[in-house]
Amino acid sequence: MFEPVHGSAPPLAGKDVANPLASVLTVGMMLAHLGWPEEETRLEGIVARAVAGKHCTRDVGGELGTRAVGDWVASEVGRITVRVSNMKAMVSSNCWGRLVSAP
């Protein structure tokens, strides 16, 4: 089982004040355990950027609520996923072009 050390914070449910970043890091640990350590590194980077850019809850220096932090993290995951997919496509097409044009 993977759960943030502080638990799920039931008293904060529905108040839009809970910090979801520990849960994001926990998902990263789970992914690393399942064999995807690169994904853990990506999530750690997203969390670090969230705190540095103040895209986080008040308890860690931001002004956002739980939902807004979750939305920001989701958009970063999507942005990174698209960028990685585009890079993979470029590499694949470049390699394919070299194979096709090889003598």
PDB file of N, CA and C in Angstrom:
ATOM      1  N   MET A   1       0.841  -1.183   0.000  1.00  0.00           N
ATOM      2  CA  MET A   1       0.000   0.000   0.000  1.00  0.00           C
ATOM      3  C   MET A   1       0.881   1.241   0.000  1.00  0.00           C
ATOM      4  N   PHE A   2       0.434   2.252  -0.712  1.00  0.00           N
ATOM      5  CA  PHE A   2       1.138   3.517  -0.786  1.00  0.00           C
ATOM      6  C   PHE A   2       0.205   4.613  -0.303  1.00  0.00           C
ATOM      7  N   GLU A   3       0.645   5.336   0.711  1.00  0.00           N
ATOM      8  CA  GLU A   3      -0.153   6.417   1.276  1.00  0.00           C
ATOM      9  C   GLU A   3       0.806   7.446   1.873  1.00  0.00           C
ATOM     10  N   PRO A   4       0.489   8.729   1.723  1.00  0.00           N
ATOM     11  CA  PRO A   4       1.345   9.730   2.362  1.00  0.00           C
ATOM     12  C   PRO A   4       1.442   9.461   3.858  1.00  0.00           C
ATOM     13  N   VAL A   5       2.563   9.792   4.435  1.00  0.00           N
ATOM     14  CA  VAL A   5       2.814   9.494   5.841  1.00  0.00           C
ATOM     15  C   VAL A   5       1.765  10.135   6.756  1.00  0.00           C
ATOM     16  N   HIS A   6       1.219  11.252   6.355  1.00  0.00           N
ATOM     17  CA  HIS A   6       0.227  11.926   7.192  1.00  0.00           C
ATOM     18  C   HIS A   6      -1.171  11.366   7.004  1.00  0.00           C
ATOM     19  N   GLY A   7      -1.352  10.426   6.104  1.00  0.00           N
ATOM     20  CA  GLY A   7      -2.671   9.851   5.862  1.00  0.00           C
ATOM     21  C   GLY A   7      -3.461  10.674   4.862  1.00  0.00           C
ATOM     22  N   SER A   8      -4.757  10.498   4.854  1.00  0.00           N
ATOM     23  CA  SER A   8      -5.603  11.143   3.849  1.00  0.00           C
ATOM     24  C   SER A   8      -6.300  12.409   4.352  1.00  0.00           C
ATOM     25  N   ALA A   9      -6.077  12.812   5.589  1.00  0.00           N
ATOM     26  CA  ALA A   9      -6.611  14.056   6.170  1.00  0.00           C
ATOM     27  C   ALA A   9      -8.129  14.168   6.098  1.00  0.00           C
ATOM     28  N   PRO A  10      -8.875  13.180   6.616  1.00  0.00           N
ATOM     29  CA  PRO A  10     -10.339  13.243   6.563  1.00  0.00           C
ATOM     30  C   PRO A  10     -10.953  14.531   7.131  1.00  0.00           C
ATOM     31  N   PRO A  11     -10.380  15.144   8.185  1.00  0.00           N
ATOM     32  CA  PRO A  11     -10.994  16.384   8.686  1.00  0.00           C
ATOM     33  C   PRO A  11     -10.973  17.534   7.671  1.00  0.00           C
ATOM     34  N   LEU A  12     -10.103  17.452   6.677  1.00  0.00           N
ATOM     35  CA  LEU A  12     -10.006  18.519   5.681  1.00  0.00           C
ATOM     36  C   LEU A  12     -10.858  18.251   4.440  1.00  0.00           C
ATOM     37  N   ALA A  13     -11.517  17.104   4.389  1.00  0.00           N
ATOM     38  CA  ALA A  13     -12.305  16.716   3.216  1.00  0.00           C
ATOM     39  C   ALA A  13     -13.349  17.780   2.880  1.00  0.00           C
ATOM     40  N   GLY A  14     -13.397  18.149   1.608  1.00  0.00           N
ATOM     41  CA  GLY A  14     -14.392  19.096   1.121  1.00  0.00           C
ATOM     42  C   GLY A  14     -14.110  20.554   1.416  1.00  0.00           C
ATOM     43  N   LYS A  15     -12.997  20.866   2.063  1.00  0.00           N
ATOM     44  CA  LYS A  15     -12.691  22.254   2.434  1.00  0.00           C
ATOM     45  C   LYS A  15     -11.729  22.933   1.464  1.00  0.00           C
ATOM     46  N   ASP A  16     -11.176  22.193   0.514  1.00  0.00           N
ATOM     47  CA  ASP A  16     -10.262  22.719  -0.496  1.00  0.00           C
ATOM     48  C   ASP A  16      -9.011  23.343   0.122  1.00  0.00           C
ATOM     49  N   VAL A  17      -8.521  22.743   1.210  1.00  0.00           N
ATOM     50  CA  VAL A  17      -7.322  23.263   1.879  1.00  0.00           C
ATOM     51  C   VAL A  17      -6.217  22.217   2.026  1.00  0.00           C
ATOM     52  N   ALA A  18      -6.512  20.959   1.752  1.00  0.00           N
ATOM     53  CA  ALA A  18      -5.512  19.897   1.912  1.00  0.00           C
ATOM     54  C   ALA A  18      -4.438  20.014   0.830  1.00  0.00           C
ATOM     55  N   ASN A  19      -3.210  19.742   1.206  1.00  0.00           N
ATOM     56  CA  ASN A  19      -2.078  19.789   0.279  1.00  0.00           C
ATOM     57  C   ASN A  19      -1.959  18.427  -0.414  1.00  0.00           C
ATOM     58  N   PRO A  20      -2.209  18.363  -1.722  1.00  0.00           N
ATOM     59  CA  PRO A  20      -2.158  17.083  -2.433  1.00  0.00           C
ATOM     60  C   PRO A  20      -0.761  16.661  -2.896  1.00  0.00           C
ATOM     61  N   LEU A  21       0.249  17.496  -2.666  1.00  0.00           N
ATOM     62  CA  LEU A  21       1.571  17.210  -3.225  1.00  0.00           C
ATOM     63  C   LEU A  21       2.210  15.955  -2.633  1.00  0.00           C
ATOM     64  N   ALA A  22       1.970  15.665  -1.359  1.00  0.00           N
ATOM     65  CA  ALA A  22       2.510  14.424  -0.786  1.00  0.00           C
ATOM     66  C   ALA A  22       1.886  13.209  -1.468  1.00  0.00           C
ATOM     67  N   SER A  23       0.629  13.319  -1.821  1.00  0.00           N
ATOM     68  CA  SER A  23      -0.017  12.215  -2.543  1.00  0.00           C
ATOM     69  C   SER A  23       0.611  12.027  -3.916  1.00  0.00           C
ATOM     70  N   VAL A  24       0.964  13.127  -4.574  1.00  0.00           N
ATOM     71  CA  VAL A  24       1.621  13.045  -5.879  1.00  0.00           C
ATOM     72  C   VAL A  24       2.971  12.346  -5.725  1.00  0.00           C
ATOM     73  N   LEU A  25       3.723  12.714  -4.691  1.00  0.00           N
ATOM     74  CA  LEU A  25       5.012  12.054  -4.453  1.00  0.00           C
ATOM     75  C   LEU A  25       4.826  10.573  -4.136  1.00  0.00           C
ATOM     76  N   THR A  26       3.753  10.250  -3.439  1.00  0.00           N
ATOM     77  CA  THR A  26       3.468   8.853  -3.119  1.00  0.00           C
ATOM     78  C   THR A  26       3.172   8.054  -4.387  1.00  0.00           C
ATOM     79  N   VAL A  27       2.449   8.656  -5.316  1.00  0.00           N
ATOM     80  CA  VAL A  27       2.197   8.001  -6.605  1.00  0.00           C
ATOM     81  C   VAL A  27       3.530   7.746  -7.306  1.00  0.00           C
ATOM     82  N   GLY A  28       4.442   8.704  -7.217  1.00  0.00           N
ATOM     83  CA  GLY A  28       5.767   8.518  -7.806  1.00  0.00           C
ATOM     84  C   GLY A  28       6.495   7.331  -7.198  1.00  0.00           C
ATOM     85  N   MET A  29       6.439   7.211  -5.875  1.00  0.00           N
ATOM     86  CA  MET A  29       7.085   6.063  -5.217  1.00  0.00           C
ATOM     87  C   MET A  29       6.474   4.753  -5.683  1.00  0.00           C
ATOM     88  N   MET A  30       5.152   4.736  -5.852  1.00  0.00           N
ATOM     89  CA  MET A  30       4.484   3.530  -6.323  1.00  0.00           C
ATOM     90  C   MET A  30       4.949   3.187  -7.742  1.00  0.00           C
ATOM     91  N   LEU A  31       5.031   4.206  -8.599  1.00  0.00           N
ATOM     92  CA  LEU A  31       5.464   3.957  -9.969  1.00  0.00           C
ATOM     93  C   LEU A  31       6.895   3.426 -10.012  1.00  0.00           C
ATOM     94  N   ALA A  32       7.771   3.984  -9.175  1.00  0.00           N
ATOM     95  CA  ALA A  32       9.150   3.482  -9.116  1.00  0.00           C
ATOM     96  C   ALA A  32       9.162   2.029  -8.652  1.00  0.00           C
ATOM     97  N   HIS A  33       8.355   1.720  -7.658  1.00  0.00           N
ATOM     98  CA  HIS A  33       8.267   0.350  -7.153  1.00  0.00           C
ATOM     99  C   HIS A  33       7.783  -0.611  -8.237  1.00  0.00           C
ATOM    100  N   LEU A  34       6.910  -0.120  -9.105  1.00  0.00           N
ATOM    101  CA  LEU A  34       6.362  -0.947 -10.177  1.00  0.00           C
ATOM    102  C   LEU A  34       7.268  -1.005 -11.409  1.00  0.00           C
ATOM    103  N   GLY A  35       8.409  -0.323 -11.335  1.00  0.00           N
ATOM    104  CA  GLY A  35       9.368  -0.415 -12.426  1.00  0.00           C
ATOM    105  C   GLY A  35       9.483   0.800 -13.315  1.00  0.00           C
ATOM    106  N   TRP A  36       8.881   1.918 -12.932  1.00  0.00           N
ATOM    107  CA  TRP A  36       8.948   3.135 -13.730  1.00  0.00           C
ATOM    108  C   TRP A  36       9.604   4.272 -12.941  1.00  0.00           C
ATOM    109  N   PRO A  37      10.885   4.153 -12.647  1.00  0.00           N
ATOM    110  CA  PRO A  37      11.556   5.185 -11.849  1.00  0.00           C
ATOM    111  C   PRO A  37      11.616   6.544 -12.546  1.00  0.00           C
ATOM    112  N   GLU A  38      11.609   6.567 -13.875  1.00  0.00           N
ATOM    113  CA  GLU A  38      11.637   7.841 -14.586  1.00  0.00           C
ATOM    114  C   GLU A  38      10.387   8.658 -14.299  1.00  0.00           C
ATOM    115  N   GLU A  39       9.271   7.970 -14.152  1.00  0.00           N
ATOM    116  CA  GLU A  39       8.012   8.659 -13.855  1.00  0.00           C
ATOM    117  C   GLU A  39       8.056   9.270 -12.455  1.00  0.00           C
ATOM    118  N   GLU A  40       8.692   8.569 -11.529  1.00  0.00           N
ATOM    119  CA  GLU A  40       8.847   9.135 -10.188  1.00  0.00           C
ATOM    120  C   GLU A  40       9.665  10.423 -10.268  1.00  0.00           C
ATOM    121  N   THR A  41      10.727  10.400 -11.033  1.00  0.00           N
ATOM    122  CA  THR A  41      11.572  11.586 -11.190  1.00  0.00           C
ATOM    123  C   THR A  41      10.779  12.731 -11.804  1.00  0.00           C
ATOM    124  N   ARG A  42       9.959  12.426 -12.789  1.00  0.00           N
ATOM    125  CA  ARG A  42       9.127  13.471 -13.408  1.00  0.00           C
ATOM    126  C   ARG A  42       8.170  14.077 -12.392  1.00  0.00           C
ATOM    127  N   LEU A  43       7.516  13.238 -11.595  1.00  0.00           N
ATOM    128  CA  LEU A  43       6.586  13.752 -10.591  1.00  0.00           C
ATOM    129  C   LEU A  43       7.310  14.563  -9.528  1.00  0.00           C
ATOM    130  N   GLU A  44       8.495  14.128  -9.128  1.00  0.00           N
ATOM    131  CA  GLU A  44       9.279  14.900  -8.157  1.00  0.00           C
ATOM    132  C   GLU A  44       9.603  16.283  -8.716  1.00  0.00           C
ATOM    133  N   GLY A  45       9.935  16.339  -9.995  1.00  0.00           N
ATOM    134  CA  GLY A  45      10.218  17.622 -10.638  1.00  0.00           C
ATOM    135  C   GLY A  45       9.001  18.527 -10.677  1.00  0.00           C
ATOM    136  N   ILE A  46       7.852  17.949 -10.963  1.00  0.00           N
ATOM    137  CA  ILE A  46       6.608  18.721 -10.987  1.00  0.00           C
ATOM    138  C   ILE A  46       6.321  19.291  -9.610  1.00  0.00           C
ATOM    139  N   VAL A  47       6.468  18.480  -8.577  1.00  0.00           N
ATOM    140  CA  VAL A  47       6.216  18.952  -7.206  1.00  0.00           C
ATOM    141  C   VAL A  47       7.204  20.059  -6.841  1.00  0.00           C
ATOM    142  N   ALA A  48       8.462  19.892  -7.194  1.00  0.00           N
ATOM    143  CA  ALA A  48       9.461  20.923  -6.903  1.00  0.00           C
ATOM    144  C   ALA A  48       9.099  22.237  -7.605  1.00  0.00           C
ATOM    145  N   ARG A  49       8.667  22.151  -8.877  1.00  0.00           N
ATOM    146  CA  ARG A  49       8.262  23.360  -9.604  1.00  0.00           C
ATOM    147  C   ARG A  49       7.006  23.978  -9.006  1.00  0.00           C
ATOM    148  N   ALA A  50       6.112  23.138  -8.518  1.00  0.00           N
ATOM    149  CA  ALA A  50       4.887  23.653  -7.889  1.00  0.00           C
ATOM    150  C   ALA A  50       5.231  24.507  -6.674  1.00  0.00           C
ATOM    151  N   VAL A  51       6.114  24.011  -5.840  1.00  0.00           N
ATOM    152  CA  VAL A  51       6.487  24.754  -4.634  1.00  0.00           C
ATOM    153  C   VAL A  51       7.301  25.997  -5.008  1.00  0.00           C
ATOM    154  N   ALA A  52       8.270  25.845  -5.898  1.00  0.00           N
ATOM    155  CA  ALA A  52       9.108  26.980  -6.291  1.00  0.00           C
ATOM    156  C   ALA A  52       8.288  28.090  -6.950  1.00  0.00           C
ATOM    157  N   GLY A  53       7.281  27.695  -7.728  1.00  0.00           N
ATOM    158  CA  GLY A  53       6.445  28.667  -8.429  1.00  0.00           C
ATOM    159  C   GLY A  53       5.213  29.084  -7.660  1.00  0.00           C
ATOM    160  N   LYS A  54       5.104  28.609  -6.427  1.00  0.00           N
ATOM    161  CA  LYS A  54       3.957  28.911  -5.556  1.00  0.00           C
ATOM    162  C   LYS A  54       2.625  28.421  -6.138  1.00  0.00           C
ATOM    163  N   HIS A  55       2.691  27.332  -6.896  1.00  0.00           N
ATOM    164  CA  HIS A  55       1.485  26.666  -7.398  1.00  0.00           C
ATOM    165  C   HIS A  55       1.106  25.591  -6.389  1.00  0.00           C
ATOM    166  N   CYS A  56       0.907  26.011  -5.154  1.00  0.00           N
ATOM    167  CA  CYS A  56       0.706  25.069  -4.057  1.00  0.00           C
ATOM    168  C   CYS A  56      -0.219  25.683  -3.013  1.00  0.00           C
ATOM    169  N   THR A  57      -0.521  24.911  -1.997  1.00  0.00           N
ATOM    170  CA  THR A  57      -1.415  25.361  -0.939  1.00  0.00           C
ATOM    171  C   THR A  57      -0.685  26.274   0.044  1.00  0.00           C
ATOM    172  N   ARG A  58      -1.449  26.950   0.887  1.00  0.00           N
ATOM    173  CA  ARG A  58      -0.898  27.934   1.826  1.00  0.00           C
ATOM    174  C   ARG A  58       0.145  27.346   2.771  1.00  0.00           C
ATOM    175  N   ASP A  59      -0.014  26.100   3.143  1.00  0.00           N
ATOM    176  CA  ASP A  59       0.906  25.515   4.128  1.00  0.00           C
ATOM    177  C   ASP A  59       2.342  25.419   3.631  1.00  0.00           C
ATOM    178  N   VAL A  60       2.536  25.500   2.315  1.00  0.00           N
ATOM    179  CA  VAL A  60       3.895  25.468   1.770  1.00  0.00           C
ATOM    180  C   VAL A  60       4.212  26.722   0.953  1.00  0.00           C
ATOM    181  N   GLY A  61       3.495  27.805   1.235  1.00  0.00           N
ATOM    182  CA  GLY A  61       3.838  29.098   0.661  1.00  0.00           C
ATOM    183  C   GLY A  61       3.038  29.560  -0.538  1.00  0.00           C
ATOM    184  N   GLY A  62       2.044  28.801  -0.936  1.00  0.00           N
ATOM    185  CA  GLY A  62       1.226  29.205  -2.078  1.00  0.00           C
ATOM    186  C   GLY A  62      -0.086  29.812  -1.649  1.00  0.00           C
ATOM    187  N   GLU A  63      -0.955  30.025  -2.604  1.00  0.00           N
ATOM    188  CA  GLU A  63      -2.271  30.602  -2.339  1.00  0.00           C
ATOM    189  C   GLU A  63      -3.401  29.757  -2.926  1.00  0.00           C
ATOM    190  N   LEU A  64      -3.068  28.589  -3.478  1.00  0.00           N
ATOM    191  CA  LEU A  64      -4.075  27.776  -4.159  1.00  0.00           C
ATOM    192  C   LEU A  64      -4.766  26.814  -3.212  1.00  0.00           C
ATOM    193  N   GLY A  65      -5.944  26.376  -3.626  1.00  0.00           N
ATOM    194  CA  GLY A  65      -6.653  25.330  -2.911  1.00  0.00           C
ATOM    195  C   GLY A  65      -6.283  23.960  -3.472  1.00  0.00           C
ATOM    196  N   THR A  66      -6.801  22.941  -2.848  1.00  0.00           N
ATOM    197  CA  THR A  66      -6.506  21.568  -3.240  1.00  0.00           C
ATOM    198  C   THR A  66      -6.809  21.325  -4.717  1.00  0.00           C
ATOM    199  N   ARG A  67      -8.001  21.718  -5.152  1.00  0.00           N
ATOM    200  CA  ARG A  67      -8.407  21.464  -6.543  1.00  0.00           C
ATOM    201  C   ARG A  67      -7.487  22.174  -7.529  1.00  0.00           C
ATOM    202  N   ALA A  68      -7.165  23.425  -7.238  1.00  0.00           N
ATOM    203  CA  ALA A  68      -6.310  24.197  -8.151  1.00  0.00           C
ATOM    204  C   ALA A  68      -4.910  23.591  -8.232  1.00  0.00           C
ATOM    205  N   VAL A  69      -4.379  23.120  -7.118  1.00  0.00           N
ATOM    206  CA  VAL A  69      -3.066  22.464  -7.143  1.00  0.00           C
ATOM    207  C   VAL A  69      -3.157  21.191  -7.971  1.00  0.00           C
ATOM    208  N   GLY A  70      -4.199  20.404  -7.746  1.00  0.00           N
ATOM    209  CA  GLY A  70      -4.390  19.178  -8.526  1.00  0.00           C
ATOM    210  C   GLY A  70      -4.514  19.459 -10.009  1.00  0.00           C
ATOM    211  N   ASP A  71      -5.246  20.510 -10.362  1.00  0.00           N
ATOM    212  CA  ASP A  71      -5.381  20.892 -11.773  1.00  0.00           C
ATOM    213  C   ASP A  71      -4.040  21.304 -12.352  1.00  0.00           C
ATOM    214  N   TRP A  72      -3.242  22.060 -11.572  1.00  0.00           N
ATOM    215  CA  TRP A  72      -1.933  22.491 -12.052  1.00  0.00           C
ATOM    216  C   TRP A  72      -1.030  21.281 -12.281  1.00  0.00           C
ATOM    217  N   VAL A  73      -1.014  20.368 -11.324  1.00  0.00           N
ATOM    218  CA  VAL A  73      -0.189  19.155 -11.460  1.00  0.00           C
ATOM    219  C   VAL A  73      -0.637  18.352 -12.678  1.00  0.00           C
ATOM    220  N   ALA A  74      -1.946  18.190 -12.847  1.00  0.00           N
ATOM    221  CA  ALA A  74      -2.459  17.433 -13.997  1.00  0.00           C
ATOM    222  C   ALA A  74      -2.046  18.088 -15.311  1.00  0.00           C
ATOM    223  N   SER A  75      -2.086  19.421 -15.371  1.00  0.00           N
ATOM    224  CA  SER A  75      -1.686  20.090 -16.609  1.00  0.00           C
ATOM    225  C   SER A  75      -0.193  19.903 -16.872  1.00  0.00           C
ATOM    226  N   GLU A  76       0.625  19.915 -15.821  1.00  0.00           N
ATOM    227  CA  GLU A  76       2.059  19.680 -15.986  1.00  0.00           C
ATOM    228  C   GLU A  76       2.333  18.252 -16.446  1.00  0.00           C
ATOM    229  N   VAL A  77       1.632  17.295 -15.873  1.00  0.00           N
ATOM    230  CA  VAL A  77       1.793  15.899 -16.300  1.00  0.00           C
ATOM    231  C   VAL A  77       1.414  15.787 -17.771  1.00  0.00           C
ATOM    232  N   GLY A  78       0.313  16.410 -18.162  1.00  0.00           N
ATOM    233  CA  GLY A  78      -0.104  16.375 -19.564  1.00  0.00           C
ATOM    234  C   GLY A  78       0.899  17.035 -20.480  1.00  0.00           C
ATOM    235  N   ARG A  79       1.432  18.181 -20.055  1.00  0.00           N
ATOM    236  CA  ARG A  79       2.417  18.910 -20.862  1.00  0.00           C
ATOM    237  C   ARG A  79       3.680  18.076 -21.045  1.00  0.00           C
ATOM    238  N   ILE A  80       4.141  17.458 -19.981  1.00  0.00           N
ATOM    239  CA  ILE A  80       5.346  16.626 -20.055  1.00  0.00           C
ATOM    240  C   ILE A  80       5.085  15.393 -20.901  1.00  0.00           C
ATOM    241  N   THR A  81       3.919  14.788 -20.739  1.00  0.00           N
ATOM    242  CA  THR A  81       3.581  13.593 -21.511  1.00  0.00           C
ATOM    243  C   THR A  81       3.562  13.906 -22.994  1.00  0.00           C
ATOM    244  N   VAL A  82       2.978  15.037 -23.364  1.00  0.00           N
ATOM    245  CA  VAL A  82       2.932  15.427 -24.770  1.00  0.00           C
ATOM    246  C   VAL A  82       4.344  15.678 -25.275  1.00  0.00           C
ATOM    247  N   ARG A  83       5.170  16.383 -24.483  1.00  0.00           N
ATOM    248  CA  ARG A  83       6.539  16.679 -24.905  1.00  0.00           C
ATOM    249  C   ARG A  83       7.342  15.396 -25.096  1.00  0.00           C
ATOM    250  N   VAL A  84       7.225  14.451 -24.153  1.00  0.00           N
ATOM    251  CA  VAL A  84       7.953  13.184 -24.265  1.00  0.00           C
ATOM    252  C   VAL A  84       7.446  12.397 -25.464  1.00  0.00           C
ATOM    253  N   SER A  85       6.132  12.370 -25.666  1.00  0.00           N
ATOM    254  CA  SER A  85       5.571  11.662 -26.822  1.00  0.00           C
ATOM    255  C   SER A  85       6.072  12.272 -28.118  1.00  0.00           C
ATOM    256  N   ASN A  86       6.112  13.612 -28.183  1.00  0.00           N
ATOM    257  CA  ASN A  86       6.607  14.285 -29.385  1.00  0.00           C
ATOM    258  C   ASN A  86       8.074  13.962 -29.619  1.00  0.00           C
ATOM    259  N   MET A  87       8.875  13.932 -28.543  1.00  0.00           N
ATOM    260  CA  MET A  87      10.288  13.599 -28.683  1.00  0.00           C
ATOM    261  C   MET A  87      10.452  12.171 -29.184  1.00  0.00           C
ATOM    262  N   LYS A  88       9.664  11.250 -28.647  1.00  0.00           N
ATOM    263  CA  LYS A  88       9.747   9.864 -29.092  1.00  0.00           C
ATOM    264  C   LYS A  88       9.356   9.756 -30.560  1.00  0.00           C
ATOM    265  N   ALA A  89       8.335  10.494 -30.970  1.00  0.00           N
ATOM    266  CA  ALA A  89       7.900  10.466 -32.365  1.00  0.00           C
ATOM    267  C   ALA A  89       8.986  11.031 -33.272  1.00  0.00           C
ATOM    268  N   MET A  90       9.639  12.122 -32.838  1.00  0.00           N
ATOM    269  CA  MET A  90      10.712  12.704 -33.639  1.00  0.00           C
ATOM    270  C   MET A  90      11.869  11.731 -33.779  1.00  0.00           C
ATOM    271  N   VAL A  91      12.237  11.090 -32.694  1.00  0.00           N
ATOM    272  CA  VAL A  91      13.333  10.125 -32.743  1.00  0.00           C
ATOM    273  C   VAL A  91      12.966   8.966 -33.649  1.00  0.00           C
ATOM    274  N   SER A  92      11.741   8.462 -33.500  1.00  0.00           N
ATOM    275  CA  SER A  92      11.305   7.338 -34.332  1.00  0.00           C
ATOM    276  C   SER A  92      11.299   7.707 -35.801  1.00  0.00           C
ATOM    277  N   SER A  93      10.755   8.880 -36.136  1.00  0.00           N
ATOM    278  CA  SER A  93      10.688   9.268 -37.545  1.00  0.00           C
ATOM    279  C   SER A  93      12.083   9.535 -38.088  1.00  0.00           C
ATOM    280  N   ASN A  94      12.955  10.115 -37.277  1.00  0.00           N
ATOM    281  CA  ASN A  94      14.323  10.383 -37.714  1.00  0.00           C
ATOM    282  C   ASN A  94      15.052   9.059 -37.967  1.00  0.00           C
ATOM    283  N   CYS A  95      14.896   8.126 -37.055  1.00  0.00           N
ATOM    284  CA  CYS A  95      15.532   6.808 -37.230  1.00  0.00           C
ATOM    285  C   CYS A  95      14.950   6.100 -38.445  1.00  0.00           C
ATOM    286  N   TRP A  96      13.635   6.188 -38.611  1.00  0.00           N
ATOM    287  CA  TRP A  96      12.991   5.549 -39.744  1.00  0.00           C
ATOM    288  C   TRP A  96      13.494   6.162 -41.048  1.00  0.00           C
ATOM    289  N   GLY A  97      13.614   7.503 -41.081  1.00  0.00           N
ATOM    290  CA  GLY A  97      14.122   8.173 -42.276  1.00  0.00           C
ATOM    291  C   GLY A  97      15.513   7.720 -42.622  1.00  0.00           C
ATOM    292  N   ARG A  98      16.357   7.511 -41.626  1.00  0.00           N
ATOM    293  CA  ARG A  98      17.726   7.040 -41.873  1.00  0.00           C
ATOM    294  C   ARG A  98      17.716   5.615 -42.398  1.00  0.00           C
ATOM    295  N   LEU A  99      16.819   4.790 -41.853  1.00  0.00           N
ATOM    296  CA  LEU A  99      16.752   3.398 -42.304  1.00  0.00           C
ATOM    297  C   LEU A  99      16.279   3.317 -43.750  1.00  0.00           C
ATOM    298  N   VAL A 100      15.276   4.127 -44.080  1.00  0.00           N
ATOM    299  CA  VAL A 100      14.712   4.096 -45.439  1.00  0.00           C
ATOM    300  C   VAL A 100      15.715   4.636 -46.451  1.00  0.00           C
ATOM    301  N   SER A 101      16.465   5.669 -46.062  1.00  0.00           N
ATOM    302  CA  SER A 101      17.396   6.252 -47.027  1.00  0.00           C
ATOM    303  C   SER A 101      18.770   5.582 -47.028  1.00  0.00           C
ATOM    304  N   ALA A 102      18.954   4.589 -46.182  1.00  0.00           N
ATOM    305  CA  ALA A 102      20.264   3.899 -46.137  1.00  0.00           C
ATOM    306  C   ALA A 102      20.485   3.138 -47.434  1.00  0.00           C
ATOM    307  N   PRO A 103      21.756   3.107 -47.901  1.00  0.00           N
ATOM    308  CA  PRO A 103      22.045   2.425 -49.181  1.00  0.00           C
ATOM    309  C   PRO A 103      21.854   0.916 -49.075  1.00  0.00           C
TER     310      PRO A 103
END
